[in-house]
C-alpha atoms as a PDB file:
ATOM      1  CA  MET A   1      46.524  30.985   9.638  1.00  0.00           C
ATOM      2  CA  GLN A   2      50.103  32.186   9.434  1.00  0.00           C
ATOM      3  CA  CYS A   3      53.043  29.801   9.553  1.00  0.00           C
ATOM      4  CA  PRO A   4      54.585  29.654  13.058  1.00  0.00           C
ATOM      5  CA  ASN A   5      58.018  29.763  11.377  1.00  0.00           C
ATOM      6  CA  GLY A   6      57.300  33.263  10.048  1.00  0.00           C
ATOM      7  CA  CYS A   7      56.964  32.351   6.357  1.00  0.00           C
ATOM      8  CA  PRO A   8      55.225  35.016   4.251  1.00  0.00           C
ATOM      9  CA  SER A   9      52.427  32.761   2.945  1.00  0.00           C
ATOM     10  CA  SER A  10      49.355  31.624   4.821  1.00  0.00           C
ATOM     11  CA  MET A  11      49.085  27.957   5.681  1.00  0.00           C
ATOM     12  CA  GLU A  12      46.885  25.889   3.363  1.00  0.00           C
ATOM     13  CA  GLU A  13      44.189  23.490   4.520  1.00  0.00           C
ATOM     14  CA  ARG A  14      44.818  20.002   3.147  1.00  0.00           C
ATOM     15  CA  LYS A  15      43.451  16.512   3.688  1.00  0.00           C
ATOM     16  CA  GLU A  16      46.339  14.185   4.439  1.00  0.00           C
ATOM     17  CA  GLU A  17      47.039  10.606   5.414  1.00  0.00           C
ATOM     18  CA  LYS A  18      48.888  10.278   8.724  1.00  0.00           C
ATOM     19  CA  ILE A  19      50.353   7.321  10.595  1.00  0.00           C
ATOM     20  CA  PHE A  20      49.958   7.126  14.375  1.00  0.00           C
ATOM     21  CA  HIS A  21      50.704   4.313  16.816  1.00  0.00           C
ATOM     22  CA  ARG A  22      48.289   2.701  19.266  1.00  0.00           C
ATOM     23  CA  ASN A  23      49.612   0.047  21.654  1.00  0.00           C
ATOM     24  CA  GLY A  24      52.767  -0.202  19.550  1.00  0.00           C
ATOM     25  CA  GLU A  25      50.838  -0.895  16.339  1.00  0.00           C
ATOM     26  CA  PRO A  26      50.684   1.556  13.429  1.00  0.00           C
ATOM     27  CA  ILE A  27      47.319   2.912  12.377  1.00  0.00           C
ATOM     28  CA  VAL A  28      46.580   5.111   9.373  1.00  0.00           C
ATOM     29  CA  ILE A  29      44.080   7.953   9.439  1.00  0.00           C
ATOM     30  CA  SER A  30      43.169   9.173   5.975  1.00  0.00           C
ATOM     31  CA  ASP A  31      41.547  12.457   4.934  1.00  0.00           C
ATOM     32  CA  LEU A  32      42.691  14.166   8.127  1.00  0.00           C
ATOM     33  CA  VAL A  33      42.436  17.945   7.823  1.00  0.00           C
ATOM     34  CA  MET A  34      45.791  19.628   8.434  1.00  0.00           C
ATOM     35  CA  TYR A  35      47.201  23.098   7.862  1.00  0.00           C
ATOM     36  CA  VAL A  36      50.432  23.026   5.839  1.00  0.00           C
ATOM     37  CA  CYS A  37      52.821  25.870   5.008  1.00  0.00           C
ATOM     38  CA  PRO A  38      53.483  25.908   1.246  1.00  0.00           C
ATOM     39  CA  ASN A  39      56.941  27.394   1.859  1.00  0.00           C
ATOM     40  CA  CYS A  40      58.555  25.297   4.586  1.00  0.00           C
ATOM     41  CA  GLY A  41      56.152  22.348   4.966  1.00  0.00           C
ATOM     42  CA  GLN A  42      55.386  23.039   8.651  1.00  0.00           C
ATOM     43  CA  GLU A  43      52.171  21.257   9.654  1.00  0.00           C
ATOM     44  CA  SER A  44      49.590  22.201  12.231  1.00  0.00           C
ATOM     45  CA  MET A  45      46.611  20.115  13.314  1.00  0.00           C
ATOM     46  CA  PRO A  46      43.370  22.010  13.965  1.00  0.00           C
ATOM     47  CA  LEU A  47      41.447  21.160  17.130  1.00  0.00           C
ATOM     48  CA  PRO A  48      38.658  19.175  15.366  1.00  0.00           C
ATOM     49  CA  SER A  49      41.299  16.933  13.752  1.00  0.00           C
ATOM     50  CA  ALA A  50      43.085  16.500  17.086  1.00  0.00           C
ATOM     51  CA  ARG A  51      39.815  15.367  18.654  1.00  0.00           C
ATOM     52  CA  ILE A  52      39.285  12.844  15.859  1.00  0.00           C
ATOM     53  CA  VAL A  53      42.786  11.443  16.406  1.00  0.00           C
ATOM     54  CA  GLU A  54      42.223  11.313  20.167  1.00  0.00           C
ATOM     55  CA  ASN A  55      38.955   9.384  19.729  1.00  0.00           C
ATOM     56  CA  ILE A  56      40.574   6.919  17.338  1.00  0.00           C
ATOM     57  CA  LEU A  57      43.604   6.356  19.571  1.00  0.00           C
ATOM     58  CA  ASN A  58      41.305   5.826  22.562  1.00  0.00           C
ATOM     59  CA  GLY A  59      39.298   3.176  20.689  1.00  0.00           C
ATOM     60  CA  LYS A  60      36.142   5.292  20.360  1.00  0.00           C
ATOM     61  CA  ALA A  61      35.929   4.865  16.569  1.00  0.00           C
ATOM     62  CA  LYS A  62      35.641   1.774  14.384  1.00  0.00           C
ATOM     63  CA  SER A  63      38.238   0.865  11.815  1.00  0.00           C
ATOM     64  CA  THR A  64      37.144   0.855   8.187  1.00  0.00           C
ATOM     65  CA  GLY A  65      39.718  -1.743   7.122  1.00  0.00           C
ATOM     66  CA  LYS A  66      43.275  -3.023   7.373  1.00  0.00           C
ATOM     67  CA  PHE A  67      46.378  -2.624   5.294  1.00  0.00           C
ATOM     68  CA  THR A  68      49.777  -4.219   5.089  1.00  0.00           C
ATOM     69  CA  ALA A  69      52.973  -2.620   3.926  1.00  0.00           C
ATOM     70  CA  GLU A  70      56.630  -3.488   3.628  1.00  0.00           C
ATOM     71  CA  LEU A  71      58.795  -2.405   6.545  1.00  0.00           C
ATOM     72  CA  TYR A  72      62.270  -0.966   6.045  1.00  0.00           C
ATOM     73  CA  GLU A  73      64.556  -0.316   8.997  1.00  0.00           C
ATOM     74  CA  VAL A  74      67.463   2.054   8.815  1.00  0.00           C
ATOM     75  CA  SER A  75      70.464   0.795  10.724  1.00  0.00           C
ATOM     76  CA  SER A  76      73.988   2.057  11.177  1.00  0.00           C
ATOM     77  CA  VAL A  77      76.462   0.689   8.696  1.00  0.00           C
END
């Protein structure tokens, strides 16, 4: 797959960890297959990954655990 930004290299398939939000709460999906341009970093989600995300966001998949993390907010100074 070629980068939609016109970069000379083909996009690479990678497994990544992504954060989405469901009902205002963050959820993490790990090992999600994405295509990433090695030149500019543009990401593209293949259809099977999009379906996985859709099922998770619609509550059709069970969580495998919970995590907590520190929250930092950027505000105007």
